[in-house]
Amino acid sequence: MSDESKKQAQDEEQAQIIEDQSTEEQQPTMPAEQAVAEQAVAEQAVAEQAEQAEQAEEKAEEQAAYRAQESTEEQEPLKDKAEKFWDSTRKTLFLATFKAGQYRRIVQKKIDLASLHKKISAAHGDLGRLIDEAHETGESGILERGDVQSLLERLDEYKQNAAVLEHEIEMIKAEEPEDKNPQE
C-alpha cells in the first residue's frame, strides 16, 4: 500500500470514530438514567396537580366562610359587631402575650441546659485526665480515689439537673393559656 492510500484509510477511520461518538452523545448512555428522569418529571407533574387541587379547595373553603360571615354580619347590630371585634382583639393579644412569655421561659431553660452540658463535657475531660494520670503512674484502685469520686458525684449532679431542665422545658411547651376573659 502506498502512503497516500494509508493516509486515506486513516482519515476514513477517524471520520468513522467521530461519527460514532456524535451518535453516542445524542442517545442516552443508560436507559436507567432516562427512566429515572422520566419518573422525576412524572412525580413533579403529580405534585403540581396535587398542589393546584389543594389551592382550589382552600379557595373554595375561604369563599364559603366569607359568604357565611357576610350573612351573619348583615343580621347583627353594629354594637354586637364592635363587642365581638374587641373581644377577639383581647383574646388575640392575651394569646400572643402568653406565647411570648412561654417562648422566653423556654429559651432561658435551653440556655441553662446548654451551660450544664458544657459543664458535663468539662467534667468528663477532667475525669479522663485524672484516670489517665493515675493509669500512667501505675496506680491501682483508680475509682476509689477521693478526687475521682467527687468528680463522679459532680457529674451525677449535673446530669440530674439537666434531666430536670429538660422536663421543665417539656412542661412549659405543654402549658395552655388560662381562659382569662376580662369583662368590664
C-alpha atoms as a PDB file:
ATOM      1  CA  MET A   1       0.000   0.000   0.000  1.00  0.00           C
ATOM      2  CA  SER A   2       1.184   3.451  -0.728  1.00  0.00           C
ATOM      3  CA  ASP A   3       1.480   6.277   1.748  1.00  0.00           C
ATOM      4  CA  GLU A   4      -1.411   8.063   0.118  1.00  0.00           C
ATOM      5  CA  SER A   5      -3.800   5.107   0.465  1.00  0.00           C
ATOM      6  CA  LYS A   6      -2.700   4.559   4.095  1.00  0.00           C
ATOM      7  CA  LYS A   7      -3.395   8.197   4.857  1.00  0.00           C
ATOM      8  CA  GLN A   8      -6.790   7.968   3.197  1.00  0.00           C
ATOM      9  CA  ALA A   9      -7.657   4.826   5.243  1.00  0.00           C
ATOM     10  CA  GLN A  10      -6.637   6.576   8.481  1.00  0.00           C
ATOM     11  CA  ASP A  11      -8.753   9.597   7.607  1.00  0.00           C
ATOM     12  CA  GLU A  12     -11.764   7.352   6.964  1.00  0.00           C
ATOM     13  CA  GLU A  13     -11.236   5.591  10.332  1.00  0.00           C
ATOM     14  CA  GLN A  14     -11.059   8.917  12.168  1.00  0.00           C
ATOM     15  CA  ALA A  15     -14.197  10.144  10.426  1.00  0.00           C
ATOM     16  CA  GLN A  16     -15.991   6.923  11.444  1.00  0.00           C
ATOM     17  CA  ILE A  17     -14.852   7.330  15.085  1.00  0.00           C
ATOM     18  CA  ILE A  18     -16.062  10.935  15.181  1.00  0.00           C
ATOM     19  CA  GLU A  19     -19.407   9.927  13.674  1.00  0.00           C
ATOM     20  CA  ASP A  20     -19.798   7.100  16.222  1.00  0.00           C
ATOM     21  CA  GLN A  21     -19.037   9.496  19.090  1.00  0.00           C
ATOM     22  CA  SER A  22     -21.569  12.066  17.915  1.00  0.00           C
ATOM     23  CA  THR A  23     -24.352   9.455  17.664  1.00  0.00           C
ATOM     24  CA  GLU A  24     -23.481   8.173  21.168  1.00  0.00           C
ATOM     25  CA  GLU A  25     -23.810  11.712  22.570  1.00  0.00           C
ATOM     26  CA  GLN A  26     -27.239  12.085  21.018  1.00  0.00           C
ATOM     27  CA  GLN A  27     -28.580   8.868  22.589  1.00  0.00           C
ATOM     28  CA  PRO A  28     -28.814   8.443  26.338  1.00  0.00           C
ATOM     29  CA  THR A  29     -25.967   6.382  27.630  1.00  0.00           C
ATOM     30  CA  MET A  30     -28.056   4.423  30.062  1.00  0.00           C
ATOM     31  CA  PRO A  31     -31.759   3.560  29.805  1.00  0.00           C
ATOM     32  CA  ALA A  32     -31.951   3.631  33.615  1.00  0.00           C
ATOM     33  CA  GLU A  33     -30.985   7.308  33.657  1.00  0.00           C
ATOM     34  CA  GLN A  34     -33.711   8.068  31.143  1.00  0.00           C
ATOM     35  CA  ALA A  35     -36.270   6.142  33.223  1.00  0.00           C
ATOM     36  CA  VAL A  36     -35.258   8.000  36.372  1.00  0.00           C
ATOM     37  CA  ALA A  37     -35.534  11.334  34.578  1.00  0.00           C
ATOM     38  CA  GLU A  38     -38.980  10.433  33.221  1.00  0.00           C
ATOM     39  CA  GLN A  39     -40.094   9.296  36.671  1.00  0.00           C
ATOM     40  CA  ALA A  40     -38.895  12.557  38.222  1.00  0.00           C
ATOM     41  CA  VAL A  41     -40.840  14.556  35.626  1.00  0.00           C
ATOM     42  CA  ALA A  42     -43.948  12.462  36.273  1.00  0.00           C
ATOM     43  CA  GLU A  43     -43.627  12.884  40.052  1.00  0.00           C
ATOM     44  CA  GLN A  44     -43.226  16.626  39.647  1.00  0.00           C
ATOM     45  CA  ALA A  45     -46.350  16.795  37.491  1.00  0.00           C
ATOM     46  CA  VAL A  46     -48.353  14.817  40.066  1.00  0.00           C
ATOM     47  CA  ALA A  47     -47.083  17.076  42.867  1.00  0.00           C
ATOM     48  CA  GLU A  48     -48.082  20.184  40.907  1.00  0.00           C
ATOM     49  CA  GLN A  49     -51.556  18.784  40.262  1.00  0.00           C
ATOM     50  CA  ALA A  50     -51.989  17.942  43.943  1.00  0.00           C
ATOM     51  CA  GLU A  51     -50.873  21.430  44.933  1.00  0.00           C
ATOM     52  CA  GLN A  52     -53.292  23.022  42.476  1.00  0.00           C
ATOM     53  CA  ALA A  53     -56.146  20.876  43.788  1.00  0.00           C
ATOM     54  CA  GLU A  54     -55.278  21.805  47.372  1.00  0.00           C
ATOM     55  CA  GLN A  55     -55.164  25.516  46.495  1.00  0.00           C
ATOM     56  CA  ALA A  56     -58.536  25.279  44.756  1.00  0.00           C
ATOM     57  CA  GLU A  57     -60.022  23.536  47.803  1.00  0.00           C
ATOM     58  CA  GLU A  58     -58.621  26.173  50.170  1.00  0.00           C
ATOM     59  CA  LYS A  59     -60.004  28.951  47.979  1.00  0.00           C
ATOM     60  CA  ALA A  60     -63.451  27.318  47.967  1.00  0.00           C
ATOM     61  CA  GLU A  61     -63.374  26.999  51.769  1.00  0.00           C
ATOM     62  CA  GLU A  62     -62.365  30.639  52.160  1.00  0.00           C
ATOM     63  CA  GLN A  63     -65.165  31.764  49.887  1.00  0.00           C
ATOM     64  CA  ALA A  64     -67.713  29.686  51.802  1.00  0.00           C
ATOM     65  CA  ALA A  65     -66.502  31.078  55.132  1.00  0.00           C
ATOM     66  CA  TYR A  66     -66.621  34.614  53.750  1.00  0.00           C
ATOM     67  CA  ARG A  67     -70.197  34.139  52.500  1.00  0.00           C
ATOM     68  CA  ALA A  68     -71.273  32.710  55.851  1.00  0.00           C
ATOM     69  CA  GLN A  69     -69.634  35.601  57.697  1.00  0.00           C
ATOM     70  CA  GLU A  70     -71.312  38.162  55.423  1.00  0.00           C
ATOM     71  CA  SER A  71     -74.765  36.738  56.008  1.00  0.00           C
ATOM     72  CA  THR A  72     -74.388  36.708  59.808  1.00  0.00           C
ATOM     73  CA  GLU A  73     -72.842  40.169  59.870  1.00  0.00           C
ATOM     74  CA  GLU A  74     -75.767  41.626  57.974  1.00  0.00           C
ATOM     75  CA  GLN A  75     -78.140  40.364  60.639  1.00  0.00           C
ATOM     76  CA  GLU A  76     -76.186  41.560  63.687  1.00  0.00           C
ATOM     77  CA  PRO A  77     -76.493  45.072  65.005  1.00  0.00           C
ATOM     78  CA  LEU A  78     -73.465  47.347  64.893  1.00  0.00           C
ATOM     79  CA  LYS A  79     -72.923  47.221  68.672  1.00  0.00           C
ATOM     80  CA  ASP A  80     -72.561  43.425  68.665  1.00  0.00           C
ATOM     81  CA  LYS A  81     -70.001  43.662  65.899  1.00  0.00           C
ATOM     82  CA  ALA A  82     -67.889  46.116  67.873  1.00  0.00           C
ATOM     83  CA  GLU A  83     -68.083  43.965  71.020  1.00  0.00           C
ATOM     84  CA  LYS A  84     -67.039  40.865  69.098  1.00  0.00           C
ATOM     85  CA  PHE A  85     -64.182  42.768  67.498  1.00  0.00           C
ATOM     86  CA  TRP A  86     -62.824  43.946  70.852  1.00  0.00           C
ATOM     87  CA  ASP A  87     -63.301  40.517  72.433  1.00  0.00           C
ATOM     88  CA  SER A  88     -61.398  38.962  69.584  1.00  0.00           C
ATOM     89  CA  THR A  89     -58.672  41.582  69.874  1.00  0.00           C
ATOM     90  CA  ARG A  90     -58.323  40.982  73.634  1.00  0.00           C
ATOM     91  CA  LYS A  91     -58.130  37.216  73.158  1.00  0.00           C
ATOM     92  CA  THR A  92     -55.549  37.579  70.419  1.00  0.00           C
ATOM     93  CA  LEU A  93     -53.448  39.964  72.498  1.00  0.00           C
ATOM     94  CA  PHE A  94     -53.653  37.658  75.518  1.00  0.00           C
ATOM     95  CA  LEU A  95     -52.648  34.634  73.449  1.00  0.00           C
ATOM     96  CA  ALA A  96     -49.738  36.484  71.833  1.00  0.00           C
ATOM     97  CA  THR A  97     -48.516  37.664  75.236  1.00  0.00           C
ATOM     98  CA  PHE A  98     -48.807  34.165  76.666  1.00  0.00           C
ATOM     99  CA  LYS A  99     -46.888  32.601  73.771  1.00  0.00           C
ATOM    100  CA  ALA A 100     -44.149  35.252  74.008  1.00  0.00           C
ATOM    101  CA  GLY A 101     -43.723  34.587  77.731  1.00  0.00           C
ATOM    102  CA  GLN A 102     -43.708  30.866  77.133  1.00  0.00           C
ATOM    103  CA  TYR A 103     -41.051  31.233  74.435  1.00  0.00           C
ATOM    104  CA  ARG A 104     -38.910  33.446  76.705  1.00  0.00           C
ATOM    105  CA  ARG A 105     -39.013  30.872  79.518  1.00  0.00           C
ATOM    106  CA  ILE A 106     -38.159  28.008  77.133  1.00  0.00           C
ATOM    107  CA  VAL A 107     -35.208  29.927  75.706  1.00  0.00           C
ATOM    108  CA  GLN A 108     -33.892  30.670  79.205  1.00  0.00           C
ATOM    109  CA  LYS A 109     -34.178  26.990  80.181  1.00  0.00           C
ATOM    110  CA  LYS A 110     -32.370  25.971  76.988  1.00  0.00           C
ATOM    111  CA  ILE A 111     -29.565  28.425  77.749  1.00  0.00           C
ATOM    112  CA  ASP A 112     -29.254  26.931  81.241  1.00  0.00           C
ATOM    113  CA  LEU A 113     -29.290  23.435  79.737  1.00  0.00           C
ATOM    114  CA  ALA A 114     -26.532  24.325  77.266  1.00  0.00           C
ATOM    115  CA  SER A 115     -24.439  25.665  80.141  1.00  0.00           C
ATOM    116  CA  LEU A 116     -24.940  22.415  82.047  1.00  0.00           C
ATOM    117  CA  HIS A 117     -23.931  20.366  79.008  1.00  0.00           C
ATOM    118  CA  LYS A 118     -20.697  22.387  78.799  1.00  0.00           C
ATOM    119  CA  LYS A 119     -20.037  21.665  82.474  1.00  0.00           C
ATOM    120  CA  ILE A 120     -20.702  17.964  81.878  1.00  0.00           C
ATOM    121  CA  SER A 121     -18.244  17.921  78.978  1.00  0.00           C
ATOM    122  CA  ALA A 122     -15.611  19.702  81.066  1.00  0.00           C
ATOM    123  CA  ALA A 123     -16.131  17.248  83.938  1.00  0.00           C
ATOM    124  CA  HIS A 124     -15.768  14.312  81.536  1.00  0.00           C
ATOM    125  CA  GLY A 125     -12.488  15.795  80.345  1.00  0.00           C
ATOM    126  CA  ASP A 126     -11.249  16.263  83.922  1.00  0.00           C
ATOM    127  CA  LEU A 127     -12.256  12.724  84.816  1.00  0.00           C
ATOM    128  CA  GLY A 128     -10.457  11.305  81.812  1.00  0.00           C
ATOM    129  CA  ARG A 129      -7.351  13.313  82.640  1.00  0.00           C
ATOM    130  CA  LEU A 130      -7.340  12.057  86.252  1.00  0.00           C
ATOM    131  CA  ILE A 131      -7.806   8.446  85.195  1.00  0.00           C
ATOM    132  CA  ASP A 132      -5.082   8.738  82.554  1.00  0.00           C
ATOM    133  CA  GLU A 133      -2.605  10.264  85.024  1.00  0.00           C
ATOM    134  CA  ALA A 134      -3.338   7.555  87.599  1.00  0.00           C
ATOM    135  CA  HIS A 135      -3.006   4.848  84.966  1.00  0.00           C
ATOM    136  CA  GLU A 136       0.345   6.208  83.755  1.00  0.00           C
ATOM    137  CA  THR A 137       1.734   6.160  87.285  1.00  0.00           C
ATOM    138  CA  GLY A 138       0.580   2.554  87.616  1.00  0.00           C
ATOM    139  CA  GLU A 139      -1.786   3.326  90.452  1.00  0.00           C
ATOM    140  CA  SER A 140      -4.438   0.715  91.221  1.00  0.00           C
ATOM    141  CA  GLY A 141      -7.905   1.402  92.594  1.00  0.00           C
ATOM    142  CA  ILE A 142      -8.339   4.487  90.472  1.00  0.00           C
ATOM    143  CA  LEU A 143     -12.079   4.686  91.069  1.00  0.00           C
ATOM    144  CA  GLU A 144     -11.629   4.644  94.855  1.00  0.00           C
ATOM    145  CA  ARG A 145      -9.598   7.861  94.873  1.00  0.00           C
ATOM    146  CA  GLY A 146     -11.345  10.776  96.583  1.00  0.00           C
ATOM    147  CA  ASP A 147     -10.894  13.260  93.725  1.00  0.00           C
ATOM    148  CA  VAL A 148     -12.289  10.759  91.196  1.00  0.00           C
ATOM    149  CA  GLN A 149     -15.270  10.020  93.477  1.00  0.00           C
ATOM    150  CA  SER A 150     -16.044  13.718  93.954  1.00  0.00           C
ATOM    151  CA  LEU A 151     -15.840  14.285  90.196  1.00  0.00           C
ATOM    152  CA  LEU A 152     -18.207  11.372  89.549  1.00  0.00           C
ATOM    153  CA  GLU A 153     -20.651  12.763  92.119  1.00  0.00           C
ATOM    154  CA  ARG A 154     -20.487  16.191  90.473  1.00  0.00           C
ATOM    155  CA  LEU A 155     -21.191  14.554  87.083  1.00  0.00           C
ATOM    156  CA  ASP A 156     -24.240  12.778  88.529  1.00  0.00           C
ATOM    157  CA  GLU A 157     -25.497  16.070  89.930  1.00  0.00           C
ATOM    158  CA  TYR A 158     -25.049  17.810  86.565  1.00  0.00           C
ATOM    159  CA  LYS A 159     -26.901  15.024  84.765  1.00  0.00           C
ATOM    160  CA  GLN A 160     -29.789  15.162  87.245  1.00  0.00           C
ATOM    161  CA  ASN A 161     -30.036  18.930  86.834  1.00  0.00           C
ATOM    162  CA  ALA A 162     -30.024  18.535  83.033  1.00  0.00           C
ATOM    163  CA  ALA A 163     -32.852  15.991  83.239  1.00  0.00           C
ATOM    164  CA  VAL A 164     -34.850  18.374  85.436  1.00  0.00           C
ATOM    165  CA  LEU A 165     -34.337  21.234  82.960  1.00  0.00           C
ATOM    166  CA  GLU A 166     -35.386  19.049  80.021  1.00  0.00           C
ATOM    167  CA  HIS A 167     -38.532  18.041  81.921  1.00  0.00           C
ATOM    168  CA  GLU A 168     -39.286  21.693  82.731  1.00  0.00           C
ATOM    169  CA  ILE A 169     -38.924  22.622  79.072  1.00  0.00           C
ATOM    170  CA  GLU A 170     -41.426  19.930  78.106  1.00  0.00           C
ATOM    171  CA  MET A 171     -43.823  21.127  80.811  1.00  0.00           C
ATOM    172  CA  ILE A 172     -43.601  24.719  79.558  1.00  0.00           C
ATOM    173  CA  LYS A 173     -44.247  23.568  75.988  1.00  0.00           C
ATOM    174  CA  ALA A 174     -47.338  21.665  77.159  1.00  0.00           C
ATOM    175  CA  GLU A 175     -48.820  24.648  79.012  1.00  0.00           C
ATOM    176  CA  GLU A 176     -52.088  26.013  77.710  1.00  0.00           C
ATOM    177  CA  PRO A 177     -53.218  29.567  78.330  1.00  0.00           C
ATOM    178  CA  GLU A 178     -55.757  30.037  81.085  1.00  0.00           C
ATOM    179  CA  ASP A 179     -59.132  31.174  79.862  1.00  0.00           C
ATOM    180  CA  LYS A 180     -58.910  34.699  81.166  1.00  0.00           C
ATOM    181  CA  ASN A 181     -61.742  36.670  79.767  1.00  0.00           C
ATOM    182  CA  PRO A 182     -61.567  40.073  81.433  1.00  0.00           C
ATOM    183  CA  GLN A 183     -65.029  41.539  81.463  1.00  0.00           C
ATOM    184  CA  GLU A 184     -65.536  45.145  82.473  1.00  0.00           C
END
